[in-house]
mmCIF file of all heavy atoms, coordinates in Angstrom:
data_MODEL
# 
_entry.id   MODEL 
# 
loop_
_atom_site.group_PDB 
_atom_site.id 
_atom_site.type_symbol 
_atom_site.label_atom_id 
_atom_site.label_alt_id 
_atom_site.label_comp_id 
_atom_site.label_asym_id 
_atom_site.label_entity_id 
_atom_site.label_seq_id 
_atom_site.pdbx_PDB_ins_code 
_atom_site.Cartn_x 
_atom_site.Cartn_y 
_atom_site.Cartn_z 
_atom_site.occupancy 
_atom_site.B_iso_or_equiv 
_atom_site.pdbx_formal_charge 
_atom_site.auth_seq_id 
_atom_site.auth_comp_id 
_atom_site.auth_asym_id 
_atom_site.auth_atom_id 
_atom_site.pdbx_PDB_model_num 
ATOM 1   N N   . ILE A 1 1  ? 0.813   -1.215 0.000   1.00 0.00 ? 1  ILE A N   1 
ATOM 2   C CA  . ILE A 1 1  ? 0.000   0.000  0.000   1.00 0.00 ? 1  ILE A CA  1 
ATOM 3   C C   . ILE A 1 1  ? 0.846   1.265  0.000   1.00 0.00 ? 1  ILE A C   1 
ATOM 4   O O   . ILE A 1 1  ? 0.554   2.220  -0.735  1.00 0.00 ? 1  ILE A O   1 
ATOM 5   C CB  . ILE A 1 1  ? -0.978  -0.001 1.195   1.00 0.00 ? 1  ILE A CB  1 
ATOM 6   C CG1 . ILE A 1 1  ? -2.076  -1.040 0.974   1.00 0.00 ? 1  ILE A CG1 1 
ATOM 7   C CG2 . ILE A 1 1  ? -1.596  1.377  1.400   1.00 0.00 ? 1  ILE A CG2 1 
ATOM 8   C CD1 . ILE A 1 1  ? -3.028  -1.170 2.135   1.00 0.00 ? 1  ILE A CD1 1 
ATOM 9   N N   . LEU A 1 2  ? 1.879   1.306  0.822   1.00 0.00 ? 2  LEU A N   1 
ATOM 10  C CA  . LEU A 1 2  ? 2.670   2.536  0.928   1.00 0.00 ? 2  LEU A CA  1 
ATOM 11  C C   . LEU A 1 2  ? 3.419   2.860  -0.360  1.00 0.00 ? 2  LEU A C   1 
ATOM 12  O O   . LEU A 1 2  ? 3.800   4.009  -0.589  1.00 0.00 ? 2  LEU A O   1 
ATOM 13  C CB  . LEU A 1 2  ? 3.649   2.430  2.098   1.00 0.00 ? 2  LEU A CB  1 
ATOM 14  C CG  . LEU A 1 2  ? 3.014   2.304  3.496   1.00 0.00 ? 2  LEU A CG  1 
ATOM 15  C CD1 . LEU A 1 2  ? 4.087   2.308  4.572   1.00 0.00 ? 2  LEU A CD1 1 
ATOM 16  C CD2 . LEU A 1 2  ? 2.006   3.411  3.755   1.00 0.00 ? 2  LEU A CD2 1 
ATOM 17  N N   . LYS A 1 3  ? 3.620   1.860  -1.218  1.00 0.00 ? 3  LYS A N   1 
ATOM 18  C CA  . LYS A 1 3  ? 4.297   2.105  -2.496  1.00 0.00 ? 3  LYS A CA  1 
ATOM 19  C C   . LYS A 1 3  ? 3.383   2.758  -3.531  1.00 0.00 ? 3  LYS A C   1 
ATOM 20  O O   . LYS A 1 3  ? 3.840   3.388  -4.474  1.00 0.00 ? 3  LYS A O   1 
ATOM 21  C CB  . LYS A 1 3  ? 4.863   0.797  -3.047  1.00 0.00 ? 3  LYS A CB  1 
ATOM 22  C CG  . LYS A 1 3  ? 6.033   0.244  -2.237  1.00 0.00 ? 3  LYS A CG  1 
ATOM 23  C CD  . LYS A 1 3  ? 6.610   -0.987 -2.890  1.00 0.00 ? 3  LYS A CD  1 
ATOM 24  C CE  . LYS A 1 3  ? 7.825   -1.514 -2.125  1.00 0.00 ? 3  LYS A CE  1 
ATOM 25  N NZ  . LYS A 1 3  ? 8.965   -0.579 -2.107  1.00 0.00 ? 3  LYS A NZ  1 
ATOM 26  N N   . ILE A 1 4  ? 2.068   2.568  -3.349  1.00 0.00 ? 4  ILE A N   1 
ATOM 27  C CA  . ILE A 1 4  ? 1.091   3.172  -4.279  1.00 0.00 ? 4  ILE A CA  1 
ATOM 28  C C   . ILE A 1 4  ? 0.112   4.062  -3.519  1.00 0.00 ? 4  ILE A C   1 
ATOM 29  O O   . ILE A 1 4  ? -1.008  4.313  -3.977  1.00 0.00 ? 4  ILE A O   1 
ATOM 30  C CB  . ILE A 1 4  ? 0.322   2.075  -5.057  1.00 0.00 ? 4  ILE A CB  1 
ATOM 31  C CG1 . ILE A 1 4  ? -0.356  1.101  -4.073  1.00 0.00 ? 4  ILE A CG1 1 
ATOM 32  C CG2 . ILE A 1 4  ? 1.253   1.324  -5.996  1.00 0.00 ? 4  ILE A CG2 1 
ATOM 33  C CD1 . ILE A 1 4  ? -1.280  0.101  -4.750  1.00 0.00 ? 4  ILE A CD1 1 
ATOM 34  N N   . TYR A 1 5  ? 0.558   4.540  -2.358  1.00 0.00 ? 5  TYR A N   1 
ATOM 35  C CA  . TYR A 1 5  ? -0.296  5.288  -1.438  1.00 0.00 ? 5  TYR A CA  1 
ATOM 36  C C   . TYR A 1 5  ? -0.976  6.474  -2.111  1.00 0.00 ? 5  TYR A C   1 
ATOM 37  O O   . TYR A 1 5  ? -2.188  6.694  -1.938  1.00 0.00 ? 5  TYR A O   1 
ATOM 38  C CB  . TYR A 1 5  ? 0.561   5.767  -0.262  1.00 0.00 ? 5  TYR A CB  1 
ATOM 39  C CG  . TYR A 1 5  ? -0.183  6.530  0.796   1.00 0.00 ? 5  TYR A CG  1 
ATOM 40  C CD1 . TYR A 1 5  ? -0.899  5.875  1.789   1.00 0.00 ? 5  TYR A CD1 1 
ATOM 41  C CD2 . TYR A 1 5  ? -0.137  7.926  0.819   1.00 0.00 ? 5  TYR A CD2 1 
ATOM 42  C CE1 . TYR A 1 5  ? -1.562  6.583  2.781   1.00 0.00 ? 5  TYR A CE1 1 
ATOM 43  C CE2 . TYR A 1 5  ? -0.797  8.641  1.808   1.00 0.00 ? 5  TYR A CE2 1 
ATOM 44  C CZ  . TYR A 1 5  ? -1.506  7.968  2.774   1.00 0.00 ? 5  TYR A CZ  1 
ATOM 45  O OH  . TYR A 1 5  ? -2.179  8.680  3.744   1.00 0.00 ? 5  TYR A OH  1 
ATOM 46  N N   . ASP A 1 6  ? -0.238  7.254  -2.888  1.00 0.00 ? 6  ASP A N   1 
ATOM 47  C CA  . ASP A 1 6  ? -0.783  8.471  -3.499  1.00 0.00 ? 6  ASP A CA  1 
ATOM 48  C C   . ASP A 1 6  ? -1.804  8.191  -4.600  1.00 0.00 ? 6  ASP A C   1 
ATOM 49  O O   . ASP A 1 6  ? -2.526  9.096  -5.014  1.00 0.00 ? 6  ASP A O   1 
ATOM 50  C CB  . ASP A 1 6  ? 0.355   9.322  -4.083  1.00 0.00 ? 6  ASP A CB  1 
ATOM 51  C CG  . ASP A 1 6  ? 1.266   9.864  -2.990  1.00 0.00 ? 6  ASP A CG  1 
ATOM 52  O OD1 . ASP A 1 6  ? 0.786   10.033 -1.859  1.00 0.00 ? 6  ASP A OD1 1 
ATOM 53  O OD2 . ASP A 1 6  ? 2.468   10.099 -3.274  1.00 0.00 ? 6  ASP A OD2 1 
ATOM 54  N N   . LYS A 1 7  ? -1.867  6.961  -5.065  1.00 0.00 ? 7  LYS A N   1 
ATOM 55  C CA  . LYS A 1 7  ? -2.787  6.618  -6.153  1.00 0.00 ? 7  LYS A CA  1 
ATOM 56  C C   . LYS A 1 7  ? -4.131  6.081  -5.653  1.00 0.00 ? 7  LYS A C   1 
ATOM 57  O O   . LYS A 1 7  ? -5.052  5.873  -6.441  1.00 0.00 ? 7  LYS A O   1 
ATOM 58  C CB  . LYS A 1 7  ? -2.137  5.575  -7.069  1.00 0.00 ? 7  LYS A CB  1 
ATOM 59  C CG  . LYS A 1 7  ? -0.857  6.067  -7.736  1.00 0.00 ? 7  LYS A CG  1 
ATOM 60  C CD  . LYS A 1 7  ? -0.236  4.987  -8.607  1.00 0.00 ? 7  LYS A CD  1 
ATOM 61  C CE  . LYS A 1 7  ? 1.060   5.486  -9.241  1.00 0.00 ? 7  LYS A CE  1 
ATOM 62  N NZ  . LYS A 1 7  ? 1.693   4.449  -10.086 1.00 0.00 ? 7  LYS A NZ  1 
ATOM 63  N N   . ILE A 1 8  ? -4.230  5.848  -4.335  1.00 0.00 ? 8  ILE A N   1 
ATOM 64  C CA  . ILE A 1 8  ? -5.461  5.293  -3.761  1.00 0.00 ? 8  ILE A CA  1 
ATOM 65  C C   . ILE A 1 8  ? -6.282  6.420  -3.137  1.00 0.00 ? 8  ILE A C   1 
ATOM 66  O O   . ILE A 1 8  ? -5.740  7.225  -2.381  1.00 0.00 ? 8  ILE A O   1 
ATOM 67  C CB  . ILE A 1 8  ? -5.134  4.236  -2.683  1.00 0.00 ? 8  ILE A CB  1 
ATOM 68  C CG1 . ILE A 1 8  ? -4.228  3.141  -3.252  1.00 0.00 ? 8  ILE A CG1 1 
ATOM 69  C CG2 . ILE A 1 8  ? -6.418  3.621  -2.129  1.00 0.00 ? 8  ILE A CG2 1 
ATOM 70  C CD1 . ILE A 1 8  ? -3.752  2.145  -2.222  1.00 0.00 ? 8  ILE A CD1 1 
ATOM 71  N N   . PRO A 1 9  ? -7.593  6.499  -3.435  1.00 0.00 ? 9  PRO A N   1 
ATOM 72  C CA  . PRO A 1 9  ? -8.433  7.538  -2.813  1.00 0.00 ? 9  PRO A CA  1 
ATOM 73  C C   . PRO A 1 9  ? -8.360  7.461  -1.292  1.00 0.00 ? 9  PRO A C   1 
ATOM 74  O O   . PRO A 1 9  ? -8.435  6.379  -0.706  1.00 0.00 ? 9  PRO A O   1 
ATOM 75  C CB  . PRO A 1 9  ? -9.841  7.204  -3.329  1.00 0.00 ? 9  PRO A CB  1 
ATOM 76  C CG  . PRO A 1 9  ? -9.610  6.479  -4.609  1.00 0.00 ? 9  PRO A CG  1 
ATOM 77  C CD  . PRO A 1 9  ? -8.351  5.680  -4.393  1.00 0.00 ? 9  PRO A CD  1 
ATOM 78  N N   . LYS A 1 10 ? -8.230  8.614  -0.643  1.00 0.00 ? 10 LYS A N   1 
ATOM 79  C CA  . LYS A 1 10 ? -8.043  8.671  0.807   1.00 0.00 ? 10 LYS A CA  1 
ATOM 80  C C   . LYS A 1 10 ? -9.218  8.065  1.578   1.00 0.00 ? 10 LYS A C   1 
ATOM 81  O O   . LYS A 1 10 ? -9.032  7.503  2.652   1.00 0.00 ? 10 LYS A O   1 
ATOM 82  C CB  . LYS A 1 10 ? -7.818  10.117 1.244   1.00 0.00 ? 10 LYS A CB  1 
ATOM 83  C CG  . LYS A 1 10 ? -6.481  10.702 0.790   1.00 0.00 ? 10 LYS A CG  1 
ATOM 84  C CD  . LYS A 1 10 ? -5.316  9.940  1.393   1.00 0.00 ? 10 LYS A CD  1 
ATOM 85  C CE  . LYS A 1 10 ? -3.975  10.582 1.038   1.00 0.00 ? 10 LYS A CE  1 
ATOM 86  N NZ  . LYS A 1 10 ? -3.626  10.356 -0.375  1.00 0.00 ? 10 LYS A NZ  1 
ATOM 87  N N   . ILE A 1 11 ? -10.424 8.157  1.031   1.00 0.00 ? 11 ILE A N   1 
ATOM 88  C CA  . ILE A 1 11 ? -11.579 7.605  1.735   1.00 0.00 ? 11 ILE A CA  1 
ATOM 89  C C   . ILE A 1 11 ? -11.456 6.098  1.889   1.00 0.00 ? 11 ILE A C   1 
ATOM 90  O O   . ILE A 1 11 ? -11.780 5.528  2.933   1.00 0.00 ? 11 ILE A O   1 
ATOM 91  C CB  . ILE A 1 11 ? -12.902 7.980  1.010   1.00 0.00 ? 11 ILE A CB  1 
ATOM 92  C CG1 . ILE A 1 11 ? -14.101 7.452  1.795   1.00 0.00 ? 11 ILE A CG1 1 
ATOM 93  C CG2 . ILE A 1 11 ? -12.907 7.452  -0.422  1.00 0.00 ? 11 ILE A CG2 1 
ATOM 94  C CD1 . ILE A 1 11 ? -14.274 8.043  3.167   1.00 0.00 ? 11 ILE A CD1 1 
ATOM 95  N N   . PHE A 1 12 ? -10.919 5.431  0.850   1.00 0.00 ? 12 PHE A N   1 
ATOM 96  C CA  . PHE A 1 12 ? -10.736 3.981  0.936   1.00 0.00 ? 12 PHE A CA  1 
ATOM 97  C C   . PHE A 1 12 ? -9.637  3.620  1.929   1.00 0.00 ? 12 PHE A C   1 
ATOM 98  O O   . PHE A 1 12 ? -9.754  2.651  2.688   1.00 0.00 ? 12 PHE A O   1 
ATOM 99  C CB  . PHE A 1 12 ? -10.410 3.410  -0.447  1.00 0.00 ? 12 PHE A CB  1 
ATOM 100 C CG  . PHE A 1 12 ? -11.547 3.507  -1.424  1.00 0.00 ? 12 PHE A CG  1 
ATOM 101 C CD1 . PHE A 1 12 ? -11.360 4.102  -2.658  1.00 0.00 ? 12 PHE A CD1 1 
ATOM 102 C CD2 . PHE A 1 12 ? -12.803 3.018  -1.110  1.00 0.00 ? 12 PHE A CD2 1 
ATOM 103 C CE1 . PHE A 1 12 ? -12.408 4.208  -3.560  1.00 0.00 ? 12 PHE A CE1 1 
ATOM 104 C CE2 . PHE A 1 12 ? -13.861 3.118  -1.996  1.00 0.00 ? 12 PHE A CE2 1 
ATOM 105 C CZ  . PHE A 1 12 ? -13.664 3.711  -3.222  1.00 0.00 ? 12 PHE A CZ  1 
ATOM 106 N N   . LEU A 1 13 ? -8.567  4.420  1.935   1.00 0.00 ? 13 LEU A N   1 
ATOM 107 C CA  . LEU A 1 13 ? -7.482  4.182  2.883   1.00 0.00 ? 13 LEU A CA  1 
ATOM 108 C C   . LEU A 1 13 ? -7.954  4.388  4.315   1.00 0.00 ? 13 LEU A C   1 
ATOM 109 O O   . LEU A 1 13 ? -7.571  3.642  5.230   1.00 0.00 ? 13 LEU A O   1 
ATOM 110 C CB  . LEU A 1 13 ? -6.312  5.123  2.578   1.00 0.00 ? 13 LEU A CB  1 
ATOM 111 C CG  . LEU A 1 13 ? -5.531  4.847  1.287   1.00 0.00 ? 13 LEU A CG  1 
ATOM 112 C CD1 . LEU A 1 13 ? -4.555  5.984  1.014   1.00 0.00 ? 13 LEU A CD1 1 
ATOM 113 C CD2 . LEU A 1 13 ? -4.791  3.526  1.379   1.00 0.00 ? 13 LEU A CD2 1 
ATOM 114 N N   . HIS A 1 14 ? -8.801  5.390  4.501   1.00 0.00 ? 14 HIS A N   1 
ATOM 115 C CA  . HIS A 1 14 ? -9.312  5.670  5.847   1.00 0.00 ? 14 HIS A CA  1 
ATOM 116 C C   . HIS A 1 14 ? -10.227 4.542  6.330   1.00 0.00 ? 14 HIS A C   1 
ATOM 117 O O   . HIS A 1 14 ? -10.101 4.077  7.475   1.00 0.00 ? 14 HIS A O   1 
ATOM 118 C CB  . HIS A 1 14 ? -10.060 7.006  5.841   1.00 0.00 ? 14 HIS A CB  1 
ATOM 119 C CG  . HIS A 1 14 ? -10.451 7.482  7.203   1.00 0.00 ? 14 HIS A CG  1 
ATOM 120 N ND1 . HIS A 1 14 ? -9.557  7.581  8.249   1.00 0.00 ? 14 HIS A ND1 1 
ATOM 121 C CD2 . HIS A 1 14 ? -11.651 7.874  7.704   1.00 0.00 ? 14 HIS A CD2 1 
ATOM 122 C CE1 . HIS A 1 14 ? -10.192 8.021  9.330   1.00 0.00 ? 14 HIS A CE1 1 
ATOM 123 N NE2 . HIS A 1 14 ? -11.459 8.197  9.020   1.00 0.00 ? 14 HIS A NE2 1 
ATOM 124 N N   . LEU A 1 15 ? -11.118 4.095  5.470   1.00 0.00 ? 15 LEU A N   1 
ATOM 125 C CA  . LEU A 1 15 ? -12.024 3.001  5.838   1.00 0.00 ? 15 LEU A CA  1 
ATOM 126 C C   . LEU A 1 15 ? -11.236 1.715  6.105   1.00 0.00 ? 15 LEU A C   1 
ATOM 127 O O   . LEU A 1 15 ? -11.557 0.961  7.037   1.00 0.00 ? 15 LEU A O   1 
ATOM 128 C CB  . LEU A 1 15 ? -13.053 2.786  4.730   1.00 0.00 ? 15 LEU A CB  1 
ATOM 129 C CG  . LEU A 1 15 ? -14.085 3.912  4.553   1.00 0.00 ? 15 LEU A CG  1 
ATOM 130 C CD1 . LEU A 1 15 ? -14.949 3.658  3.320   1.00 0.00 ? 15 LEU A CD1 1 
ATOM 131 C CD2 . LEU A 1 15 ? -14.960 4.051  5.797   1.00 0.00 ? 15 LEU A CD2 1 
ATOM 132 N N   . TYR A 1 16 ? -10.239 1.476  5.296   1.00 0.00 ? 16 TYR A N   1 
ATOM 133 C CA  . TYR A 1 16 ? -9.372  0.301  5.481   1.00 0.00 ? 16 TYR A CA  1 
ATOM 134 C C   . TYR A 1 16 ? -8.705  0.341  6.849   1.00 0.00 ? 16 TYR A C   1 
ATOM 135 O O   . TYR A 1 16 ? -8.652  -0.659 7.575   1.00 0.00 ? 16 TYR A O   1 
ATOM 136 C CB  . TYR A 1 16 ? -8.342  0.276  4.336   1.00 0.00 ? 16 TYR A CB  1 
ATOM 137 C CG  . TYR A 1 16 ? -6.991  -0.271 4.677   1.00 0.00 ? 16 TYR A CG  1 
ATOM 138 C CD1 . TYR A 1 16 ? -6.744  -1.637 4.652   1.00 0.00 ? 16 TYR A CD1 1 
ATOM 139 C CD2 . TYR A 1 16 ? -5.929  0.590  5.029   1.00 0.00 ? 16 TYR A CD2 1 
ATOM 140 C CE1 . TYR A 1 16 ? -5.483  -2.138 4.962   1.00 0.00 ? 16 TYR A CE1 1 
ATOM 141 C CE2 . TYR A 1 16 ? -4.677  0.098  5.333   1.00 0.00 ? 16 TYR A CE2 1 
ATOM 142 C CZ  . TYR A 1 16 ? -4.451  -1.270 5.301   1.00 0.00 ? 16 TYR A CZ  1 
ATOM 143 O OH  . TYR A 1 16 ? -3.214  -1.763 5.598   1.00 0.00 ? 16 TYR A OH  1 
ATOM 144 N N   . SER A 1 17 ? -8.187  1.515  7.232   1.00 0.00 ? 17 SER A N   1 
ATOM 145 C CA  . SER A 1 17 ? -7.498  1.660  8.512   1.00 0.00 ? 17 SER A CA  1 
ATOM 146 C C   . SER A 1 17 ? -8.455  1.481  9.683   1.00 0.00 ? 17 SER A C   1 
ATOM 147 O O   . SER A 1 17 ? -8.137  0.787  10.660  1.00 0.00 ? 17 SER A O   1 
ATOM 148 C CB  . SER A 1 17 ? -6.812  3.031  8.591   1.00 0.00 ? 17 SER A CB  1 
ATOM 149 O OG  . SER A 1 17 ? -5.892  3.198  7.542   1.00 0.00 ? 17 SER A OG  1 
ATOM 150 N N   . ILE A 1 18 ? -9.620  2.108  9.592   1.00 0.00 ? 18 ILE A N   1 
ATOM 151 C CA  . ILE A 1 18 ? -10.621 1.978  10.660  1.00 0.00 ? 18 ILE A CA  1 
ATOM 152 C C   . ILE A 1 18 ? -10.989 0.519  10.878  1.00 0.00 ? 18 ILE A C   1 
ATOM 153 O O   . ILE A 1 18 ? -11.075 0.035  12.018  1.00 0.00 ? 18 ILE A O   1 
ATOM 154 C CB  . ILE A 1 18 ? -11.879 2.810  10.335  1.00 0.00 ? 18 ILE A CB  1 
ATOM 155 C CG1 . ILE A 1 18 ? -11.563 4.304  10.397  1.00 0.00 ? 18 ILE A CG1 1 
ATOM 156 C CG2 . ILE A 1 18 ? -13.010 2.469  11.292  1.00 0.00 ? 18 ILE A CG2 1 
ATOM 157 C CD1 . ILE A 1 18 ? -12.704 5.185  9.932   1.00 0.00 ? 18 ILE A CD1 1 
ATOM 158 N N   . PHE A 1 19 ? -11.216 -0.192 9.802   1.00 0.00 ? 19 PHE A N   1 
ATOM 159 C CA  . PHE A 1 19 ? -11.609 -1.599 9.880   1.00 0.00 ? 19 PHE A CA  1 
ATOM 160 C C   . PHE A 1 19 ? -10.536 -2.423 10.591  1.00 0.00 ? 19 PHE A C   1 
ATOM 161 O O   . PHE A 1 19 ? -10.844 -3.197 11.502  1.00 0.00 ? 19 PHE A O   1 
ATOM 162 C CB  . PHE A 1 19 ? -11.863 -2.137 8.472   1.00 0.00 ? 19 PHE A CB  1 
ATOM 163 C CG  . PHE A 1 19 ? -12.265 -3.580 8.431   1.00 0.00 ? 19 PHE A CG  1 
ATOM 164 C CD1 . PHE A 1 19 ? -13.520 -3.982 8.861   1.00 0.00 ? 19 PHE A CD1 1 
ATOM 165 C CD2 . PHE A 1 19 ? -11.383 -4.546 7.963   1.00 0.00 ? 19 PHE A CD2 1 
ATOM 166 C CE1 . PHE A 1 19 ? -13.885 -5.321 8.830   1.00 0.00 ? 19 PHE A CE1 1 
ATOM 167 C CE2 . PHE A 1 19 ? -11.739 -5.883 7.928   1.00 0.00 ? 19 PHE A CE2 1 
ATOM 168 C CZ  . PHE A 1 19 ? -12.999 -6.267 8.365   1.00 0.00 ? 19 PHE A CZ  1 
ATOM 169 N N   . LEU A 1 20 ? -9.280  -2.238 10.217  1.00 0.00 ? 20 LEU A N   1 
ATOM 170 C CA  . LEU A 1 20 ? -8.216  -3.067 10.764  1.00 0.00 ? 20 LEU A CA  1 
ATOM 171 C C   . LEU A 1 20 ? -7.879  -2.723 12.209  1.00 0.00 ? 20 LEU A C   1 
ATOM 172 O O   . LEU A 1 20 ? -7.676  -3.621 13.038  1.00 0.00 ? 20 LEU A O   1 
ATOM 173 C CB  . LEU A 1 20 ? -6.961  -2.958 9.892   1.00 0.00 ? 20 LEU A CB  1 
ATOM 174 C CG  . LEU A 1 20 ? -7.044  -3.629 8.525   1.00 0.00 ? 20 LEU A CG  1 
ATOM 175 C CD1 . LEU A 1 20 ? -5.730  -3.496 7.775   1.00 0.00 ? 20 LEU A CD1 1 
ATOM 176 C CD2 . LEU A 1 20 ? -7.412  -5.107 8.657   1.00 0.00 ? 20 LEU A CD2 1 
ATOM 177 N N   . PHE A 1 21 ? -7.810  -1.418 12.565  1.00 0.00 ? 21 PHE A N   1 
ATOM 178 C CA  . PHE A 1 21 ? -7.466  -1.137 13.964  1.00 0.00 ? 21 PHE A CA  1 
ATOM 179 C C   . PHE A 1 21 ? -8.630  -1.438 14.887  1.00 0.00 ? 21 PHE A C   1 
ATOM 180 O O   . PHE A 1 21 ? -8.423  -1.780 16.055  1.00 0.00 ? 21 PHE A O   1 
ATOM 181 C CB  . PHE A 1 21 ? -6.887  0.266  14.172  1.00 0.00 ? 21 PHE A CB  1 
ATOM 182 C CG  . PHE A 1 21 ? -7.772  1.450  13.944  1.00 0.00 ? 21 PHE A CG  1 
ATOM 183 C CD1 . PHE A 1 21 ? -8.907  1.684  14.707  1.00 0.00 ? 21 PHE A CD1 1 
ATOM 184 C CD2 . PHE A 1 21 ? -7.434  2.400  12.983  1.00 0.00 ? 21 PHE A CD2 1 
ATOM 185 C CE1 . PHE A 1 21 ? -9.699  2.803  14.518  1.00 0.00 ? 21 PHE A CE1 1 
ATOM 186 C CE2 . PHE A 1 21 ? -8.210  3.527  12.782  1.00 0.00 ? 21 PHE A CE2 1 
ATOM 187 C CZ  . PHE A 1 21 ? -9.358  3.723  13.546  1.00 0.00 ? 21 PHE A CZ  1 
ATOM 188 N N   . THR A 1 22 ? -9.862  -1.373 14.379  1.00 0.00 ? 22 THR A N   1 
ATOM 189 C CA  . THR A 1 22 ? -11.009 -1.769 15.208  1.00 0.00 ? 22 THR A CA  1 
ATOM 190 C C   . THR A 1 22 ? -10.977 -3.263 15.492  1.00 0.00 ? 22 THR A C   1 
ATOM 191 O O   . THR A 1 22 ? -11.209 -3.693 16.632  1.00 0.00 ? 22 THR A O   1 
ATOM 192 C CB  . THR A 1 22 ? -12.332 -1.380 14.520  1.00 0.00 ? 22 THR A CB  1 
ATOM 193 O OG1 . THR A 1 22 ? -12.369 0.034  14.316  1.00 0.00 ? 22 THR A OG1 1 
ATOM 194 C CG2 . THR A 1 22 ? -13.530 -1.779 15.377  1.00 0.00 ? 22 THR A CG2 1 
ATOM 195 N N   . LEU A 1 23 ? -10.682 -4.066 14.487  1.00 0.00 ? 23 LEU A N   1 
ATOM 196 C CA  . LEU A 1 23 ? -10.542 -5.510 14.709  1.00 0.00 ? 23 LEU A CA  1 
ATOM 197 C C   . LEU A 1 23 ? -9.416  -5.784 15.709  1.00 0.00 ? 23 LEU A C   1 
ATOM 198 O O   . LEU A 1 23 ? -9.517  -6.706 16.540  1.00 0.00 ? 23 LEU A O   1 
ATOM 199 C CB  . LEU A 1 23 ? -10.254 -6.223 13.391  1.00 0.00 ? 23 LEU A CB  1 
ATOM 200 C CG  . LEU A 1 23 ? -11.392 -6.309 12.370  1.00 0.00 ? 23 LEU A CG  1 
ATOM 201 C CD1 . LEU A 1 23 ? -10.925 -7.094 11.154  1.00 0.00 ? 23 LEU A CD1 1 
ATOM 202 C CD2 . LEU A 1 23 ? -12.626 -6.963 12.975  1.00 0.00 ? 23 LEU A CD2 1 
ATOM 203 N N   . GLY A 1 24 ? -8.356  -5.000 15.625  1.00 0.00 ? 24 GLY A N   1 
ATOM 204 C CA  . GLY A 1 24 ? -7.249  -5.177 16.560  1.00 0.00 ? 24 GLY A CA  1 
ATOM 205 C C   . GLY A 1 24 ? -7.676  -4.999 18.007  1.00 0.00 ? 24 GLY A C   1 
ATOM 206 O O   . GLY A 1 24 ? -7.233  -5.742 18.894  1.00 0.00 ? 24 GLY A O   1 
ATOM 207 N N   . TRP A 1 25 ? -8.572  -4.052 18.254  1.00 0.00 ? 25 TRP A N   1 
ATOM 208 C CA  . TRP A 1 25 ? -9.046  -3.850 19.631  1.00 0.00 ? 25 TRP A CA  1 
ATOM 209 C C   . TRP A 1 25 ? -9.890  -5.032 20.097  1.00 0.00 ? 25 TRP A C   1 
ATOM 210 O O   . TRP A 1 25 ? -10.012 -5.268 21.302  1.00 0.00 ? 25 TRP A O   1 
ATOM 211 C CB  . TRP A 1 25 ? -9.840  -2.553 19.745  1.00 0.00 ? 25 TRP A CB  1 
ATOM 212 C CG  . TRP A 1 25 ? -9.018  -1.321 19.533  1.00 0.00 ? 25 TRP A CG  1 
ATOM 213 C CD1 . TRP A 1 25 ? -9.297  -0.259 18.726  1.00 0.00 ? 25 TRP A CD1 1 
ATOM 214 C CD2 . TRP A 1 25 ? -7.765  -1.008 20.146  1.00 0.00 ? 25 TRP A CD2 1 
ATOM 215 N NE1 . TRP A 1 25 ? -8.309  0.688  18.784  1.00 0.00 ? 25 TRP A NE1 1 
ATOM 216 C CE2 . TRP A 1 25 ? -7.349  0.254  19.655  1.00 0.00 ? 25 TRP A CE2 1 
ATOM 217 C CE3 . TRP A 1 25 ? -6.940  -1.680 21.061  1.00 0.00 ? 25 TRP A CE3 1 
ATOM 218 C CZ2 . TRP A 1 25 ? -6.155  0.849  20.059  1.00 0.00 ? 25 TRP A CZ2 1 
ATOM 219 C CZ3 . TRP A 1 25 ? -5.744  -1.082 21.439  1.00 0.00 ? 25 TRP A CZ3 1 
ATOM 220 C CH2 . TRP A 1 25 ? -5.366  0.163  20.947  1.00 0.00 ? 25 TRP A CH2 1 
ATOM 221 N N   . GLY A 1 26 ? -10.465 -5.786 19.156  1.00 0.00 ? 26 GLY A N   1 
ATOM 222 C CA  . GLY A 1 26 ? -11.178 -7.001 19.543  1.00 0.00 ? 26 GLY A CA  1 
ATOM 223 C C   . GLY A 1 26 ? -10.238 -8.047 20.113  1.00 0.00 ? 26 GLY A C   1 
ATOM 224 O O   . GLY A 1 26 ? -10.600 -8.784 21.042  1.00 0.00 ? 26 GLY A O   1 
# 
């Protein structure tokens, strides 16, 4: 992801991050 970070819409990156760190708290 970090290699193509600038090419991905920020909304998708934000949703992706929320999903993964929320699962982590589980």
